[in-house]
Amino acid sequence: MNDIPAGAERHETATERDDRNFGELLQELRVTQTGVQILFAFLLTLAFTQRFPSLDAMQRGIYVAALLLAMLAAALFTAPAALHRVLFRRRAKHELVSVSSRLAGIGLGVLALSFTGAVLLVVDVVLGRAAGIAAAVATLAVCAGLWAVLPWTLSRDRPVR
């Protein structure tokens, strides 16, 4: 996973490190943005299906929440590009990397909630409320485990570079 042998240090300036970190962050955002766009498109089309009018009030609330969370996730994941556009050539790469990293982290949390809402809605409609809640809890647990607990566990004994 790491292209640097154990014990070896990178020989880069702070500016080079910021450039590398921003490039890596952009690659992460490209992968994540595709999933957000697919989820958002799926949610947008649901309101125009024949079955949508039969949703109960709770299902409609879940739908609206999931849709708005997907929109917020998309905004958070595209914000680094807007920040870069404004801060371009202003020698603010370190701040750009720092703020963009925070936005991406918040975006992952919002995306997990949107995934959870979308799964809750679909499983609730197909199998019922209890199954929907169970599937939503499982979805949130998987996202939290893979996106927060696992990285935290792996990073506990590793310094930030």
N, C-alpha and C. Protein backbone atom coordinates (compact mmCIF):
# COMPACT_ATOMS: atom_id res chain seq x y z
N MET A 1 0.83 -1.18 0.00
CA MET A 1 0.00 0.00 0.00
C MET A 1 0.87 1.24 0.00
N ASN A 2 1.98 1.21 0.68
CA ASN A 2 2.88 2.36 0.76
C ASN A 2 4.06 2.10 -0.16
N ASP A 3 4.38 3.05 -1.03
CA ASP A 3 5.46 2.85 -1.98
C ASP A 3 6.84 3.16 -1.40
N ILE A 4 6.89 3.52 -0.13
CA ILE A 4 8.15 3.83 0.53
C ILE A 4 8.49 2.68 1.47
N PRO A 5 9.70 2.12 1.35
CA PRO A 5 10.08 1.02 2.26
C PRO A 5 10.02 1.47 3.71
N ALA A 6 9.77 0.51 4.61
CA ALA A 6 9.73 0.82 6.03
C ALA A 6 11.04 1.46 6.47
N GLY A 7 10.92 2.52 7.23
CA GLY A 7 12.09 3.22 7.74
C GLY A 7 12.62 4.30 6.81
N ALA A 8 12.20 4.31 5.57
CA ALA A 8 12.68 5.32 4.62
C ALA A 8 11.84 6.59 4.76
N GLU A 9 12.45 7.70 4.57
CA GLU A 9 11.77 8.99 4.64
C GLU A 9 11.67 9.59 3.25
N ARG A 10 10.63 10.35 3.01
CA ARG A 10 10.52 11.09 1.76
C ARG A 10 11.46 12.29 1.86
N HIS A 11 12.09 12.59 0.76
CA HIS A 11 12.93 13.78 0.70
C HIS A 11 12.21 14.79 -0.17
N GLU A 12 11.35 15.58 0.48
CA GLU A 12 10.56 16.56 -0.25
C GLU A 12 10.41 17.81 0.61
N THR A 13 10.25 18.91 -0.06
CA THR A 13 10.03 20.17 0.66
C THR A 13 8.58 20.21 1.14
N ALA A 14 8.28 21.17 1.98
CA ALA A 14 6.90 21.32 2.46
C ALA A 14 5.97 21.61 1.28
N THR A 15 6.43 22.37 0.33
CA THR A 15 5.62 22.67 -0.86
C THR A 15 5.38 21.42 -1.69
N GLU A 16 6.43 20.62 -1.87
CA GLU A 16 6.27 19.37 -2.62
C GLU A 16 5.31 18.42 -1.90
N ARG A 17 5.40 18.39 -0.58
CA ARG A 17 4.50 17.54 0.20
C ARG A 17 3.05 18.02 0.04
N ASP A 18 2.83 19.33 0.10
CA ASP A 18 1.49 19.87 -0.09
C ASP A 18 0.96 19.55 -1.48
N ASP A 19 1.82 19.68 -2.50
CA ASP A 19 1.41 19.33 -3.87
C ASP A 19 1.03 17.85 -3.96
N ARG A 20 1.85 16.98 -3.38
CA ARG A 20 1.57 15.54 -3.40
C ARG A 20 0.28 15.25 -2.65
N ASN A 21 0.12 15.84 -1.46
CA ASN A 21 -1.08 15.60 -0.67
C ASN A 21 -2.34 16.06 -1.38
N PHE A 22 -2.25 17.21 -2.07
CA PHE A 22 -3.42 17.71 -2.78
C PHE A 22 -3.74 16.80 -3.96
N GLY A 23 -2.72 16.34 -4.68
CA GLY A 23 -2.93 15.41 -5.79
C GLY A 23 -3.58 14.12 -5.31
N GLU A 24 -3.12 13.59 -4.19
CA GLU A 24 -3.71 12.36 -3.64
C GLU A 24 -5.15 12.60 -3.21
N LEU A 25 -5.41 13.75 -2.61
CA LEU A 25 -6.77 14.08 -2.19
C LEU A 25 -7.70 14.18 -3.40
N LEU A 26 -7.23 14.80 -4.47
CA LEU A 26 -8.05 14.91 -5.67
C LEU A 26 -8.38 13.55 -6.25
N GLN A 27 -7.43 12.62 -6.22
CA GLN A 27 -7.70 11.26 -6.70
C GLN A 27 -8.79 10.60 -5.84
N GLU A 28 -8.71 10.78 -4.54
CA GLU A 28 -9.73 10.22 -3.65
C GLU A 28 -11.10 10.82 -3.96
N LEU A 29 -11.12 12.12 -4.18
CA LEU A 29 -12.38 12.80 -4.45
C LEU A 29 -12.98 12.35 -5.78
N ARG A 30 -12.14 12.07 -6.77
CA ARG A 30 -12.65 11.59 -8.07
C ARG A 30 -13.39 10.27 -7.90
N VAL A 31 -12.82 9.39 -7.10
CA VAL A 31 -13.47 8.09 -6.87
C VAL A 31 -14.78 8.28 -6.12
N THR A 32 -14.77 9.07 -5.09
CA THR A 32 -15.95 9.27 -4.26
C THR A 32 -17.05 10.01 -5.01
N GLN A 33 -16.66 10.99 -5.80
CA GLN A 33 -17.64 11.80 -6.51
C GLN A 33 -18.50 10.98 -7.44
N THR A 34 -17.94 9.96 -8.06
CA THR A 34 -18.72 9.11 -8.95
C THR A 34 -19.86 8.42 -8.20
N GLY A 35 -19.55 7.89 -7.04
CA GLY A 35 -20.59 7.26 -6.23
C GLY A 35 -21.67 8.24 -5.80
N VAL A 36 -21.27 9.43 -5.44
CA VAL A 36 -22.23 10.45 -5.03
C VAL A 36 -23.14 10.82 -6.21
N GLN A 37 -22.56 10.97 -7.38
CA GLN A 37 -23.35 11.33 -8.56
C GLN A 37 -24.36 10.24 -8.90
N ILE A 38 -23.96 8.99 -8.81
CA ILE A 38 -24.88 7.88 -9.10
C ILE A 38 -26.01 7.86 -8.08
N LEU A 39 -25.68 8.00 -6.80
CA LEU A 39 -26.69 8.01 -5.75
C LEU A 39 -27.64 9.19 -5.95
N PHE A 40 -27.11 10.36 -6.21
CA PHE A 40 -27.93 11.56 -6.38
C PHE A 40 -28.87 11.39 -7.58
N ALA A 41 -28.36 10.87 -8.68
CA ALA A 41 -29.19 10.65 -9.87
C ALA A 41 -30.31 9.64 -9.56
N PHE A 42 -29.96 8.58 -8.87
CA PHE A 42 -30.96 7.58 -8.49
C PHE A 42 -32.06 8.23 -7.65
N LEU A 43 -31.66 9.00 -6.66
CA LEU A 43 -32.65 9.64 -5.78
C LEU A 43 -33.50 10.66 -6.54
N LEU A 44 -32.89 11.39 -7.45
CA LEU A 44 -33.66 12.37 -8.23
C LEU A 44 -34.75 11.69 -9.06
N THR A 45 -34.43 10.53 -9.62
CA THR A 45 -35.41 9.86 -10.48
C THR A 45 -36.54 9.19 -9.70
N LEU A 46 -36.31 8.87 -8.45
CA LEU A 46 -37.35 8.18 -7.67
C LEU A 46 -38.65 8.97 -7.59
N ALA A 47 -38.55 10.28 -7.47
CA ALA A 47 -39.75 11.10 -7.33
C ALA A 47 -40.64 11.05 -8.56
N PHE A 48 -40.11 10.58 -9.67
CA PHE A 48 -40.88 10.55 -10.92
C PHE A 48 -41.34 9.14 -11.30
N THR A 49 -41.24 8.21 -10.36
CA THR A 49 -41.69 6.85 -10.63
C THR A 49 -43.17 6.72 -10.27
N GLN A 50 -43.82 5.70 -10.80
CA GLN A 50 -45.25 5.49 -10.55
C GLN A 50 -45.54 5.16 -9.09
N ARG A 51 -44.61 4.52 -8.43
CA ARG A 51 -44.86 4.09 -7.06
C ARG A 51 -44.63 5.21 -6.03
N PHE A 52 -43.95 6.28 -6.40
CA PHE A 52 -43.61 7.33 -5.45
C PHE A 52 -44.83 7.91 -4.72
N PRO A 53 -45.96 8.17 -5.39
CA PRO A 53 -47.11 8.73 -4.68
C PRO A 53 -47.64 7.83 -3.55
N SER A 54 -47.34 6.54 -3.59
CA SER A 54 -47.84 5.64 -2.55
C SER A 54 -46.97 5.62 -1.29
N LEU A 55 -45.85 6.35 -1.29
CA LEU A 55 -45.00 6.39 -0.09
C LEU A 55 -45.73 7.07 1.05
N ASP A 56 -45.50 6.57 2.27
CA ASP A 56 -46.11 7.21 3.43
C ASP A 56 -45.25 8.42 3.85
N ALA A 57 -45.71 9.12 4.85
CA ALA A 57 -45.04 10.36 5.27
C ALA A 57 -43.60 10.11 5.72
N MET A 58 -43.38 9.02 6.45
CA MET A 58 -42.02 8.72 6.91
C MET A 58 -41.11 8.42 5.72
N GLN A 59 -41.59 7.64 4.78
CA GLN A 59 -40.79 7.31 3.60
C GLN A 59 -40.46 8.56 2.79
N ARG A 60 -41.41 9.45 2.67
CA ARG A 60 -41.13 10.71 1.96
C ARG A 60 -40.09 11.55 2.70
N GLY A 61 -40.19 11.56 4.02
CA GLY A 61 -39.20 12.28 4.82
C GLY A 61 -37.81 11.68 4.67
N ILE A 62 -37.73 10.36 4.68
CA ILE A 62 -36.45 9.69 4.47
C ILE A 62 -35.90 10.02 3.09
N TYR A 63 -36.78 10.00 2.10
CA TYR A 63 -36.38 10.33 0.72
C TYR A 63 -35.77 11.73 0.65
N VAL A 64 -36.49 12.70 1.18
CA VAL A 64 -36.01 14.09 1.12
C VAL A 64 -34.69 14.23 1.88
N ALA A 65 -34.59 13.60 3.04
CA ALA A 65 -33.34 13.68 3.81
C ALA A 65 -32.19 13.06 3.03
N ALA A 66 -32.39 11.88 2.45
CA ALA A 66 -31.33 11.22 1.69
C ALA A 66 -30.93 12.05 0.48
N LEU A 67 -31.91 12.63 -0.20
CA LEU A 67 -31.63 13.47 -1.37
C LEU A 67 -30.81 14.70 -0.98
N LEU A 68 -31.22 15.38 0.08
CA LEU A 68 -30.50 16.58 0.52
C LEU A 68 -29.10 16.23 1.04
N LEU A 69 -28.97 15.09 1.71
CA LEU A 69 -27.65 14.67 2.16
C LEU A 69 -26.74 14.34 0.98
N ALA A 70 -27.28 13.72 -0.06
CA ALA A 70 -26.49 13.43 -1.27
C ALA A 70 -26.04 14.72 -1.93
N MET A 71 -26.92 15.71 -1.98
CA MET A 71 -26.56 17.01 -2.54
C MET A 71 -25.46 17.66 -1.71
N LEU A 72 -25.58 17.60 -0.39
CA LEU A 72 -24.57 18.18 0.48
C LEU A 72 -23.24 17.46 0.32
N ALA A 73 -23.26 16.14 0.22
CA ALA A 73 -22.03 15.38 0.00
C ALA A 73 -21.37 15.81 -1.31
N ALA A 74 -22.16 15.95 -2.36
CA ALA A 74 -21.62 16.39 -3.65
C ALA A 74 -20.98 17.77 -3.53
N ALA A 75 -21.64 18.66 -2.80
CA ALA A 75 -21.09 20.01 -2.61
C ALA A 75 -19.78 19.96 -1.82
N LEU A 76 -19.74 19.14 -0.78
CA LEU A 76 -18.52 19.02 0.02
C LEU A 76 -17.37 18.43 -0.79
N PHE A 77 -17.66 17.44 -1.64
CA PHE A 77 -16.61 16.81 -2.43
C PHE A 77 -16.14 17.67 -3.60
N THR A 78 -16.95 18.60 -4.06
CA THR A 78 -16.52 19.49 -5.14
C THR A 78 -15.95 20.81 -4.63
N ALA A 79 -16.14 21.10 -3.36
CA ALA A 79 -15.63 22.35 -2.79
C ALA A 79 -14.12 22.52 -2.96
N PRO A 80 -13.30 21.46 -2.82
CA PRO A 80 -11.85 21.66 -3.03
C PRO A 80 -11.51 22.21 -4.41
N ALA A 81 -12.25 21.84 -5.44
CA ALA A 81 -11.99 22.39 -6.78
C ALA A 81 -12.30 23.88 -6.81
N ALA A 82 -13.39 24.27 -6.18
CA ALA A 82 -13.74 25.69 -6.11
C ALA A 82 -12.71 26.47 -5.29
N LEU A 83 -12.28 25.89 -4.18
CA LEU A 83 -11.26 26.54 -3.36
C LEU A 83 -9.96 26.70 -4.15
N HIS A 84 -9.58 25.65 -4.86
CA HIS A 84 -8.36 25.72 -5.66
C HIS A 84 -8.47 26.82 -6.70
N ARG A 85 -9.63 26.94 -7.32
CA ARG A 85 -9.82 27.96 -8.35
C ARG A 85 -9.61 29.34 -7.76
N VAL A 86 -10.14 29.59 -6.57
CA VAL A 86 -10.03 30.91 -5.93
C VAL A 86 -8.61 31.15 -5.39
N LEU A 87 -8.00 30.10 -4.84
CA LEU A 87 -6.69 30.26 -4.21
C LEU A 87 -5.51 30.02 -5.15
N PHE A 88 -5.78 29.67 -6.39
CA PHE A 88 -4.74 29.39 -7.38
C PHE A 88 -3.76 30.57 -7.45
N ARG A 89 -2.47 30.24 -7.38
CA ARG A 89 -1.37 31.22 -7.45
C ARG A 89 -1.34 32.21 -6.28
N ARG A 90 -1.89 31.86 -5.17
CA ARG A 90 -1.87 32.73 -4.00
C ARG A 90 -1.02 32.16 -2.87
N ARG A 91 -0.26 31.12 -3.19
CA ARG A 91 0.63 30.49 -2.22
C ARG A 91 -0.11 30.04 -0.97
N ALA A 92 -1.24 29.40 -1.19
CA ALA A 92 -2.07 28.94 -0.08
C ALA A 92 -2.30 27.43 -0.17
N LYS A 93 -1.37 26.70 -0.76
CA LYS A 93 -1.56 25.26 -0.96
C LYS A 93 -1.72 24.53 0.37
N HIS A 94 -0.94 24.89 1.38
CA HIS A 94 -1.05 24.20 2.66
C HIS A 94 -2.46 24.37 3.24
N GLU A 95 -2.98 25.59 3.23
CA GLU A 95 -4.33 25.83 3.73
C GLU A 95 -5.36 25.11 2.87
N LEU A 96 -5.14 25.12 1.57
CA LEU A 96 -6.04 24.43 0.64
C LEU A 96 -6.10 22.94 0.95
N VAL A 97 -4.95 22.32 1.17
CA VAL A 97 -4.90 20.89 1.49
C VAL A 97 -5.60 20.63 2.83
N SER A 98 -5.33 21.46 3.81
CA SER A 98 -5.90 21.26 5.14
C SER A 98 -7.42 21.38 5.13
N VAL A 99 -7.92 22.45 4.54
CA VAL A 99 -9.37 22.67 4.49
C VAL A 99 -10.04 21.62 3.61
N SER A 100 -9.44 21.32 2.47
CA SER A 100 -10.02 20.32 1.56
C SER A 100 -10.09 18.95 2.21
N SER A 101 -9.08 18.61 2.97
CA SER A 101 -9.08 17.32 3.67
C SER A 101 -10.23 17.27 4.68
N ARG A 102 -10.44 18.34 5.40
CA ARG A 102 -11.55 18.39 6.36
C ARG A 102 -12.90 18.28 5.64
N LEU A 103 -13.04 19.00 4.53
CA LEU A 103 -14.28 18.94 3.76
C LEU A 103 -14.55 17.52 3.26
N ALA A 104 -13.51 16.85 2.80
CA ALA A 104 -13.66 15.48 2.32
C ALA A 104 -14.07 14.55 3.46
N GLY A 105 -13.48 14.73 4.62
CA GLY A 105 -13.86 13.91 5.78
C GLY A 105 -15.31 14.12 6.18
N ILE A 106 -15.74 15.36 6.20
CA ILE A 106 -17.14 15.66 6.51
C ILE A 106 -18.03 15.08 5.41
N GLY A 107 -17.57 15.20 4.16
CA GLY A 107 -18.32 14.65 3.04
C GLY A 107 -18.55 13.16 3.16
N LEU A 108 -17.53 12.44 3.62
CA LEU A 108 -17.69 10.99 3.82
C LEU A 108 -18.75 10.69 4.87
N GLY A 109 -18.76 11.46 5.94
CA GLY A 109 -19.79 11.27 6.96
C GLY A 109 -21.18 11.54 6.42
N VAL A 110 -21.32 12.61 5.66
CA VAL A 110 -22.61 12.96 5.07
C VAL A 110 -23.02 11.90 4.04
N LEU A 111 -22.05 11.42 3.26
CA LEU A 111 -22.34 10.38 2.27
C LEU A 111 -22.82 9.09 2.96
N ALA A 112 -22.19 8.74 4.07
CA ALA A 112 -22.63 7.56 4.83
C ALA A 112 -24.08 7.71 5.28
N LEU A 113 -24.44 8.90 5.72
CA LEU A 113 -25.83 9.14 6.13
C LEU A 113 -26.78 9.06 4.94
N SER A 114 -26.36 9.58 3.80
CA SER A 114 -27.19 9.51 2.60
C SER A 114 -27.38 8.07 2.14
N PHE A 115 -26.28 7.30 2.12
CA PHE A 115 -26.38 5.87 1.80
C PHE A 115 -27.36 5.18 2.75
N THR A 116 -27.22 5.48 4.02
CA THR A 116 -28.08 4.87 5.04
C THR A 116 -29.54 5.20 4.78
N GLY A 117 -29.82 6.47 4.47
CA GLY A 117 -31.20 6.87 4.18
C GLY A 117 -31.75 6.21 2.93
N ALA A 118 -30.92 6.13 1.89
CA ALA A 118 -31.37 5.50 0.64
C ALA A 118 -31.66 4.02 0.86
N VAL A 119 -30.80 3.33 1.60
CA VAL A 119 -31.03 1.91 1.89
C VAL A 119 -32.27 1.74 2.75
N LEU A 120 -32.42 2.60 3.74
CA LEU A 120 -33.61 2.55 4.60
C LEU A 120 -34.87 2.68 3.75
N LEU A 121 -34.90 3.64 2.86
CA LEU A 121 -36.07 3.87 2.03
C LEU A 121 -36.38 2.66 1.14
N VAL A 122 -35.39 2.20 0.42
CA VAL A 122 -35.63 1.11 -0.53
C VAL A 122 -36.04 -0.18 0.20
N VAL A 123 -35.32 -0.54 1.25
CA VAL A 123 -35.65 -1.78 1.95
C VAL A 123 -36.99 -1.64 2.68
N ASP A 124 -37.29 -0.47 3.19
CA ASP A 124 -38.58 -0.24 3.83
C ASP A 124 -39.72 -0.46 2.83
N VAL A 125 -39.59 0.07 1.63
CA VAL A 125 -40.62 -0.09 0.60
C VAL A 125 -40.74 -1.55 0.17
N VAL A 126 -39.60 -2.22 0.02
CA VAL A 126 -39.61 -3.58 -0.51
C VAL A 126 -39.96 -4.63 0.54
N LEU A 127 -39.37 -4.52 1.74
CA LEU A 127 -39.52 -5.57 2.75
C LEU A 127 -40.23 -5.15 4.04
N GLY A 128 -40.41 -3.86 4.23
CA GLY A 128 -41.07 -3.39 5.44
C GLY A 128 -40.14 -2.59 6.34
N ARG A 129 -40.74 -1.93 7.31
CA ARG A 129 -40.04 -0.99 8.17
C ARG A 129 -38.95 -1.64 9.00
N ALA A 130 -39.23 -2.77 9.62
CA ALA A 130 -38.23 -3.43 10.48
C ALA A 130 -37.00 -3.83 9.66
N ALA A 131 -37.22 -4.40 8.50
CA ALA A 131 -36.09 -4.79 7.64
C ALA A 131 -35.35 -3.56 7.16
N GLY A 132 -36.08 -2.49 6.87
CA GLY A 132 -35.44 -1.24 6.44
C GLY A 132 -34.53 -0.67 7.51
N ILE A 133 -35.02 -0.67 8.73
CA ILE A 133 -34.21 -0.16 9.85
C ILE A 133 -32.97 -1.03 10.05
N ALA A 134 -33.15 -2.34 10.00
CA ALA A 134 -32.01 -3.25 10.16
C ALA A 134 -30.98 -3.03 9.05
N ALA A 135 -31.44 -2.89 7.82
CA ALA A 135 -30.52 -2.66 6.70
C ALA A 135 -29.83 -1.31 6.82
N ALA A 136 -30.54 -0.32 7.31
CA ALA A 136 -29.95 1.01 7.49
C ALA A 136 -28.87 0.99 8.57
N VAL A 137 -29.15 0.32 9.67
CA VAL A 137 -28.16 0.19 10.75
C VAL A 137 -26.92 -0.53 10.23
N ALA A 138 -27.14 -1.60 9.48
CA ALA A 138 -26.01 -2.35 8.92
C ALA A 138 -25.21 -1.49 7.94
N THR A 139 -25.90 -0.70 7.12
CA THR A 139 -25.22 0.19 6.17
C THR A 139 -24.36 1.21 6.91
N LEU A 140 -24.91 1.83 7.92
CA LEU A 140 -24.16 2.81 8.69
C LEU A 140 -22.97 2.16 9.39
N ALA A 141 -23.17 0.95 9.91
CA ALA A 141 -22.07 0.24 10.58
C ALA A 141 -20.95 -0.10 9.60
N VAL A 142 -21.30 -0.55 8.42
CA VAL A 142 -20.28 -0.88 7.41
C VAL A 142 -19.50 0.37 7.02
N CYS A 143 -20.21 1.46 6.74
CA CYS A 143 -19.52 2.71 6.37
C CYS A 143 -18.63 3.20 7.50
N ALA A 144 -19.15 3.19 8.72
CA ALA A 144 -18.35 3.63 9.87
C ALA A 144 -17.14 2.73 10.07
N GLY A 145 -17.35 1.44 9.93
CA GLY A 145 -16.24 0.51 10.12
C GLY A 145 -15.15 0.68 9.08
N LEU A 146 -15.55 0.76 7.81
CA LEU A 146 -14.57 0.85 6.73
C LEU A 146 -13.97 2.24 6.55
N TRP A 147 -14.76 3.26 6.83
CA TRP A 147 -14.32 4.63 6.56
C TRP A 147 -13.77 5.36 7.78
N ALA A 148 -14.04 4.85 8.98
CA ALA A 148 -13.57 5.54 10.19
C ALA A 148 -12.76 4.61 11.09
N VAL A 149 -13.36 3.51 11.51
CA VAL A 149 -12.70 2.64 12.48
C VAL A 149 -11.45 1.99 11.89
N LEU A 150 -11.55 1.40 10.72
CA LEU A 150 -10.39 0.76 10.10
C LEU A 150 -9.24 1.75 9.86
N PRO A 151 -9.49 2.90 9.23
CA PRO A 151 -8.37 3.85 9.05
C PRO A 151 -7.78 4.33 10.38
N TRP A 152 -8.64 4.57 11.36
CA TRP A 152 -8.15 5.02 12.66
C TRP A 152 -7.27 3.94 13.28
N THR A 153 -7.71 2.69 13.20
CA THR A 153 -6.94 1.58 13.76
C THR A 153 -5.57 1.47 13.09
N LEU A 154 -5.56 1.57 11.77
CA LEU A 154 -4.30 1.45 11.03
C LEU A 154 -3.37 2.65 11.24
N SER A 155 -3.95 3.80 11.57
CA SER A 155 -3.12 5.01 11.69
C SER A 155 -2.66 5.32 13.11
N ARG A 156 -3.13 4.57 14.08
CA ARG A 156 -2.80 4.88 15.49
C ARG A 156 -1.31 4.99 15.76
N ASP A 157 -0.52 4.12 15.19
CA ASP A 157 0.91 4.10 15.50
C ASP A 157 1.76 4.70 14.39
N ARG A 158 1.12 5.43 13.48
CA ARG A 158 1.88 5.99 12.35
C ARG A 158 1.85 7.50 12.41
N PRO A 159 3.01 8.15 12.25
CA PRO A 159 3.04 9.60 12.29
C PRO A 159 2.45 10.21 11.01
N VAL A 160 1.94 11.43 11.12
CA VAL A 160 1.42 12.17 9.97
C VAL A 160 2.60 12.75 9.21
N ARG A 161 2.58 12.59 7.87
CA ARG A 161 3.66 13.15 7.05
C ARG A 161 3.10 14.03 6.00
